[in-house]
Amino acid sequence: MNRSLILMLFCCVQSSLIAQTLVPSDIPWIRLDQNFSSGDSWELQLVPTQDELYVPIGLVKPEGDGPFPIILIGSGQGINGIKKIQDQMDISHGLMMRLAKRGYASAFVNFRNEVPELYNEVGDATLIEDNVSGGYRTLRSRGSLDSDDFISIIRHIGSLSYIDSNHIGAIGSSHSGEIIMKAVSDSNLLAAAVPAEAAVREYLLVSDADAPRDETGTELQLQDLDYVRSISNRERAMERINRINTPLLIMGRDGDHLQGLFELLFEWVDESKKNVRWLSYSHHEHGYVLLRNLPDGSFSPDRIQELAYKEYIEFFDKYLK
């Protein structure tokens, strides 16, 4: 399907509107059938958020009626709306087809832009009564966060008839790994999760204003575990970690400029006696665990990527099947 037609179809194709029951009201979600260049099919879905906006996901499912376990996939921050999903589906095609052959549905997710540090400044969102117009609106106690969008996506996925709502997993790299950590602290909706190279500076309340940076002055250098521990807020981070009930496989990357941050996340989750494992590999690519297609469209994970995949797919098999 020509990508330029998507917005027109969004507005005009009434058969693509599928009503689902969401809180606080019945809000339709939108499905648009898409195809990879190989001919394999996928669905672009627009998912209602807690504040009744929409975020896009791209979903692939195996042959048959299900219900299927599903693995949600994320990379980096929320950005570029539908275009991010289109681009990421192209480069995630090989991984998603591999998951489908193994019996998993999968969905690449996107969310709104991050507002830095806002997660540390606000509490849980609640619905409040409209005391202005006297009408039947419901108002929110605060604006929604990107992590709220991810939780909305998980709830939406669990409502689909062909998905097993008790067997939803997630893997995410960089900021998407941090989103996973926020979600497992703020909900019990994931049956297993893999935060990979998770940039959890906000989640662990890292005070990095004076932290070392590279020669450009922009890239944080947080390789040293002891140093990262010294500038993080253990008390508040442990409050979040203690709420976790989801099995975790935390993955790092040897030599990464944030490796000390990844290691501290594992250390504190492990100290909290949670169900957690740690793995780290040396690899040149940030986000290596996501097994992206190469620029020429081919799918050829290297030896380290295959080792990482073997570990996390066996982890998912244990908890999602």
Protein backbone atom coordinates (compact mmCIF):
# COMPACT_ATOMS: atom_id res chain seq x y z
CA MET A 1 0.00 0.00 0.00
CA ASN A 2 1.27 3.47 -0.89
CA ARG A 3 2.18 5.20 2.36
CA SER A 4 0.72 8.49 1.17
CA LEU A 5 -2.71 6.88 1.21
CA ILE A 6 -2.65 6.05 4.90
CA LEU A 7 -4.03 9.31 6.25
CA MET A 8 -6.75 9.37 3.58
CA LEU A 9 -7.76 5.84 4.54
CA PHE A 10 -7.66 6.78 8.19
CA CYS A 11 -10.30 9.42 7.52
CA CYS A 12 -12.39 7.64 4.90
CA VAL A 13 -12.42 3.88 5.36
CA GLN A 14 -15.15 3.32 7.91
CA SER A 15 -14.71 -0.46 7.78
CA SER A 16 -11.31 0.00 9.41
CA LEU A 17 -12.86 1.38 12.59
CA ILE A 18 -13.21 -1.31 15.22
CA ALA A 19 -14.89 -0.36 18.48
CA GLN A 20 -13.21 -1.60 21.63
CA THR A 21 -14.14 -0.97 25.25
CA LEU A 22 -11.58 1.20 26.98
CA VAL A 23 -11.60 3.17 30.20
CA PRO A 24 -12.97 5.79 30.65
CA SER A 25 -15.13 5.50 27.50
CA ASP A 26 -15.65 3.52 24.33
CA ILE A 27 -13.04 4.74 21.87
CA PRO A 28 -12.54 3.19 18.42
CA TRP A 29 -9.15 1.93 17.40
CA ILE A 30 -8.05 1.85 13.77
CA ARG A 31 -6.58 -1.00 11.73
CA LEU A 32 -5.00 -0.64 8.29
CA ASP A 33 -3.70 -3.70 6.46
CA GLN A 34 -0.14 -3.33 5.13
CA ASN A 35 2.39 -5.46 3.27
CA PHE A 36 6.13 -5.87 3.46
CA SER A 37 7.97 -5.69 0.14
CA SER A 38 8.26 -9.49 0.37
CA GLY A 39 4.47 -9.77 0.33
CA ASP A 40 4.15 -10.74 4.00
CA SER A 41 1.31 -8.88 5.70
CA TRP A 42 1.24 -6.69 8.78
CA GLU A 43 -1.27 -4.39 10.44
CA LEU A 44 -0.85 -0.72 11.22
CA GLN A 45 -2.98 -0.08 14.30
CA LEU A 46 -3.72 3.28 15.89
CA VAL A 47 -4.24 2.74 19.61
CA PRO A 48 -6.13 5.12 21.95
CA THR A 49 -4.08 6.47 24.84
CA GLN A 50 -5.23 7.28 28.36
CA ASP A 51 -5.91 10.86 27.34
CA GLU A 52 -7.81 9.77 24.20
CA LEU A 53 -5.16 10.49 21.57
CA TYR A 54 -3.68 7.84 19.27
CA VAL A 55 -0.28 6.15 19.02
CA PRO A 56 0.73 3.78 16.20
CA ILE A 57 1.95 0.19 16.36
CA GLY A 58 2.82 -2.34 13.65
CA LEU A 59 1.62 -5.89 14.32
CA VAL A 60 2.51 -9.25 12.78
CA LYS A 61 0.77 -12.49 13.73
CA PRO A 62 1.31 -16.14 12.83
CA GLU A 63 -1.03 -18.20 10.67
CA GLY A 64 -4.22 -19.27 12.43
CA ASP A 65 -6.75 -17.84 14.85
CA GLY A 66 -4.75 -17.83 18.07
CA PRO A 67 -4.79 -16.83 20.80
CA PHE A 68 -1.05 -16.19 20.42
CA PRO A 69 1.54 -15.02 22.90
CA ILE A 70 2.99 -11.71 21.77
CA ILE A 71 6.28 -9.85 22.10
CA LEU A 72 6.21 -6.05 21.97
CA ILE A 73 9.32 -4.47 20.43
CA GLY A 74 10.60 -0.94 21.04
CA SER A 75 13.65 1.08 20.07
CA GLY A 76 14.55 4.48 21.46
CA GLN A 77 12.10 7.25 22.24
CA GLY A 78 8.71 8.10 20.80
CA ILE A 79 9.23 10.06 17.58
CA ASN A 80 7.88 10.56 14.03
CA GLY A 81 4.48 8.94 14.60
CA ILE A 82 3.39 6.54 11.85
CA LYS A 83 6.61 7.07 9.90
CA LYS A 84 8.67 5.50 12.69
CA ILE A 85 6.47 2.40 12.57
CA GLN A 86 6.75 2.15 8.78
CA ASP A 87 10.54 2.50 8.91
CA GLN A 88 10.97 0.11 11.82
CA MET A 89 8.72 -2.53 10.27
CA ASP A 90 10.99 -2.53 7.21
CA ILE A 91 14.14 -3.12 9.26
CA SER A 92 12.46 -5.46 11.78
CA HIS A 93 10.88 -7.70 9.14
CA GLY A 94 13.36 -10.55 9.60
CA LEU A 95 13.00 -10.67 13.38
CA MET A 96 9.21 -10.44 13.29
CA MET A 97 8.92 -13.23 10.70
CA ARG A 98 11.24 -15.38 12.80
CA LEU A 99 9.02 -14.78 15.84
CA ALA A 100 5.90 -15.64 13.82
CA LYS A 101 7.43 -18.97 12.75
CA ARG A 102 8.05 -19.68 16.43
CA GLY A 103 4.38 -19.07 17.23
CA TYR A 104 4.60 -15.49 18.49
CA ALA A 105 2.72 -12.46 17.36
CA SER A 106 4.84 -9.33 17.62
CA ALA A 107 4.23 -5.60 17.52
CA PHE A 108 6.62 -2.70 17.06
CA VAL A 109 5.49 0.17 19.28
CA ASN A 110 5.73 3.94 19.31
CA PHE A 111 4.59 6.55 21.80
CA ARG A 112 4.57 10.31 22.32
CA ASN A 113 7.76 12.33 22.73
CA GLU A 114 9.52 12.05 26.07
CA VAL A 115 9.35 14.99 28.47
CA PRO A 116 12.68 14.64 30.35
CA GLU A 117 12.38 14.24 34.13
CA LEU A 118 8.57 14.55 34.15
CA TYR A 119 8.22 10.94 35.34
CA ASN A 120 10.06 11.96 38.52
CA GLU A 121 7.85 14.98 39.09
CA VAL A 122 4.33 13.59 38.76
CA GLY A 123 2.32 10.91 40.51
CA ASP A 124 -0.22 8.48 39.13
CA ALA A 125 -2.84 9.94 36.83
CA THR A 126 -6.45 9.88 37.98
CA LEU A 127 -9.74 10.88 36.38
CA ILE A 128 -11.45 13.83 38.02
CA GLU A 129 -14.94 15.27 37.78
CA ASP A 130 -15.63 18.22 35.48
CA ASN A 131 -16.33 21.11 37.85
CA VAL A 132 -16.13 23.81 35.17
CA SER A 133 -18.86 23.22 32.61
CA GLY A 134 -21.14 20.95 34.61
CA GLY A 135 -21.07 18.50 31.73
CA TYR A 136 -20.23 14.83 31.48
CA ARG A 137 -16.57 15.20 30.58
CA THR A 138 -13.89 13.47 32.57
CA LEU A 139 -10.72 15.44 33.21
CA ARG A 140 -7.25 14.15 34.05
CA SER A 141 -5.19 15.06 37.06
CA ARG A 142 -2.04 15.42 34.90
CA GLY A 143 -0.80 15.06 31.35
CA SER A 144 0.06 11.60 30.04
CA LEU A 145 3.63 10.32 29.73
CA ASP A 146 5.21 8.13 27.08
CA SER A 147 5.24 5.27 29.60
CA ASP A 148 1.47 5.73 30.02
CA ASP A 149 1.14 5.25 26.26
CA PHE A 150 3.05 1.98 26.49
CA ILE A 151 0.70 0.74 29.20
CA SER A 152 -2.26 1.73 27.00
CA ILE A 153 -0.72 -0.30 24.17
CA ILE A 154 -0.34 -3.35 26.43
CA ARG A 155 -3.99 -3.08 27.50
CA HIS A 156 -5.10 -2.73 23.89
CA ILE A 157 -3.03 -5.73 22.81
CA GLY A 158 -4.54 -7.79 25.61
CA SER A 159 -8.05 -6.98 24.37
CA LEU A 160 -7.46 -8.47 20.91
CA SER A 161 -9.28 -11.78 20.40
CA TYR A 162 -6.27 -13.46 18.79
CA ILE A 163 -3.83 -12.49 21.58
CA ASP A 164 -3.35 -14.38 24.84
CA SER A 165 -3.61 -11.52 27.35
CA ASN A 166 -1.80 -13.55 30.01
CA HIS A 167 1.27 -14.01 27.83
CA ILE A 168 2.41 -10.57 26.71
CA GLY A 169 6.14 -9.91 26.71
CA ALA A 170 8.30 -6.95 25.70
CA ILE A 171 11.82 -6.22 24.55
CA GLY A 172 13.13 -2.69 24.17
CA SER A 173 16.49 -0.99 23.70
CA SER A 174 17.74 2.38 24.94
CA HIS A 175 14.86 4.65 26.04
CA SER A 176 12.37 1.90 25.18
CA GLY A 177 14.16 -0.26 27.74
CA GLU A 178 13.53 2.43 30.34
CA ILE A 179 9.87 2.57 29.25
CA ILE A 180 9.66 -1.15 30.00
CA MET A 181 11.06 -0.61 33.50
CA LYS A 182 8.49 2.10 34.19
CA ALA A 183 5.71 -0.15 32.92
CA VAL A 184 6.67 -3.13 35.10
CA SER A 185 6.82 -0.83 38.14
CA ASP A 186 3.48 0.82 37.35
CA SER A 187 1.50 -2.24 36.18
CA ASN A 188 1.43 -6.04 36.23
CA LEU A 189 0.51 -6.45 32.57
CA LEU A 190 3.70 -8.02 31.20
CA ALA A 191 4.45 -11.70 31.74
CA ALA A 192 8.16 -11.25 30.91
CA ALA A 193 10.37 -8.39 29.76
CA VAL A 194 13.84 -7.75 28.33
CA PRO A 195 15.12 -4.20 28.93
CA ALA A 196 18.22 -4.11 26.71
CA GLU A 197 20.78 -1.31 27.01
CA ALA A 198 18.06 0.40 29.01
CA ALA A 199 18.83 4.11 29.43
CA VAL A 200 17.39 4.19 32.95
CA ARG A 201 18.93 7.47 34.13
CA GLU A 202 15.46 8.85 34.91
CA TYR A 203 14.15 5.60 36.41
CA LEU A 204 17.15 5.37 38.78
CA LEU A 205 17.09 9.15 39.39
CA VAL A 206 20.66 9.73 38.26
CA SER A 207 22.03 13.22 39.01
CA ASP A 208 24.33 13.52 36.02
CA ALA A 209 24.67 17.28 35.54
CA ASP A 210 28.36 17.07 36.47
CA ALA A 211 28.99 13.61 35.04
CA PRO A 212 31.81 13.14 32.52
CA ARG A 213 30.98 13.44 28.83
CA ASP A 214 32.77 12.74 25.59
CA GLU A 215 34.85 15.26 23.67
CA THR A 216 31.72 16.76 22.09
CA GLY A 217 30.31 17.51 25.54
CA THR A 218 27.03 15.74 24.76
CA GLU A 219 27.40 11.99 25.30
CA LEU A 220 27.33 10.89 28.94
CA GLN A 221 30.14 8.59 30.05
CA LEU A 222 28.63 6.33 32.70
CA GLN A 223 30.70 3.17 32.33
CA ASP A 224 31.86 2.98 35.96
CA LEU A 225 29.39 1.16 38.20
CA ASP A 226 30.67 2.65 41.46
CA TYR A 227 30.43 6.17 40.07
CA VAL A 228 26.91 5.66 38.71
CA ARG A 229 25.82 4.22 42.05
CA SER A 230 27.18 7.32 43.81
CA ILE A 231 25.05 9.73 41.74
CA SER A 232 21.81 7.69 41.76
CA ASN A 233 18.94 7.85 44.26
CA ARG A 234 18.80 4.37 45.74
CA GLU A 235 15.88 5.01 48.10
CA ARG A 236 13.47 6.29 45.47
CA ALA A 237 14.64 3.82 42.84
CA MET A 238 14.08 0.92 45.24
CA GLU A 239 10.52 2.10 45.84
CA ARG A 240 9.92 1.53 42.13
CA ILE A 241 11.86 -1.69 41.88
CA ASN A 242 10.07 -3.22 44.87
CA ARG A 243 6.77 -2.98 42.96
CA ILE A 244 8.03 -5.22 40.15
CA ASN A 245 6.44 -8.66 39.72
CA THR A 246 7.54 -9.32 36.13
CA PRO A 247 10.46 -11.69 35.34
CA LEU A 248 13.29 -9.67 33.77
CA LEU A 249 16.27 -10.40 31.56
CA ILE A 250 18.41 -7.25 31.72
CA MET A 251 20.89 -7.02 28.85
CA GLY A 252 23.90 -4.75 28.56
CA ARG A 253 26.59 -4.09 25.96
CA ASP A 254 30.26 -4.34 26.89
CA GLY A 255 31.97 -1.00 26.37
CA ASP A 256 28.76 1.00 26.00
CA HIS A 257 29.00 4.55 27.35
CA LEU A 258 26.10 3.72 29.73
CA GLN A 259 27.19 0.21 30.75
CA GLY A 260 27.54 1.24 34.42
CA LEU A 261 23.91 2.33 34.32
CA PHE A 262 22.79 -1.02 32.92
CA GLU A 263 24.82 -2.84 35.57
CA LEU A 264 23.37 -0.75 38.39
CA LEU A 265 19.84 -1.52 37.23
CA PHE A 266 20.57 -5.24 37.46
CA GLU A 267 22.35 -4.86 40.81
CA TRP A 268 19.43 -3.12 42.49
CA VAL A 269 16.75 -5.34 40.95
CA ASP A 270 18.75 -8.38 42.05
CA GLU A 271 19.19 -6.98 45.57
CA SER A 272 15.40 -6.65 45.74
CA LYS A 273 15.14 -10.43 45.28
CA LYS A 274 13.26 -10.11 42.02
CA ASN A 275 13.23 -12.71 39.26
CA VAL A 276 16.05 -11.27 37.17
CA ARG A 277 19.01 -12.35 35.02
CA TRP A 278 21.90 -10.38 33.54
CA LEU A 279 23.58 -10.85 30.17
CA SER A 280 26.03 -8.62 28.32
CA TYR A 281 27.87 -9.02 25.03
CA SER A 282 30.50 -7.06 23.14
CA HIS A 283 29.00 -5.72 19.92
CA HIS A 284 29.55 -2.68 17.71
CA GLU A 285 25.84 -1.88 17.26
CA HIS A 286 23.64 -0.10 19.80
CA GLY A 287 20.40 -2.10 19.90
CA TYR A 288 22.11 -5.26 18.62
CA VAL A 289 19.54 -7.53 20.29
CA LEU A 290 16.79 -6.37 17.89
CA LEU A 291 18.37 -8.16 14.89
CA ARG A 292 17.68 -5.42 12.36
CA ASN A 293 17.67 -6.10 8.64
CA LEU A 294 20.75 -4.82 6.84
CA PRO A 295 20.57 -1.69 4.62
CA ASP A 296 20.22 -3.89 1.50
CA GLY A 297 17.13 -5.51 3.06
CA SER A 298 18.79 -8.83 3.85
CA PHE A 299 18.46 -10.51 7.24
CA SER A 300 21.78 -11.91 8.44
CA PRO A 301 22.35 -11.62 12.21
CA ASP A 302 25.97 -12.14 13.24
CA ARG A 303 27.22 -14.68 15.78
CA ILE A 304 26.82 -12.40 18.81
CA GLN A 305 23.32 -11.37 17.79
CA GLU A 306 22.35 -15.02 17.40
CA LEU A 307 23.72 -15.78 20.86
CA ALA A 308 21.72 -12.90 22.33
CA TYR A 309 18.58 -13.96 20.46
CA LYS A 310 18.95 -17.56 21.67
CA GLU A 311 19.10 -16.38 25.27
CA TYR A 312 16.14 -14.03 25.16
CA ILE A 313 13.86 -16.24 23.06
CA GLU A 314 14.42 -19.11 25.50
CA PHE A 315 13.59 -16.65 28.29
CA PHE A 316 10.35 -15.68 26.54
CA ASP A 317 9.51 -19.33 25.82
CA LYS A 318 9.76 -20.05 29.53
CA TYR A 319 7.25 -17.39 30.56
CA LEU A 320 5.05 -16.86 27.51
CA LYS A 321 4.36 -20.43 26.40
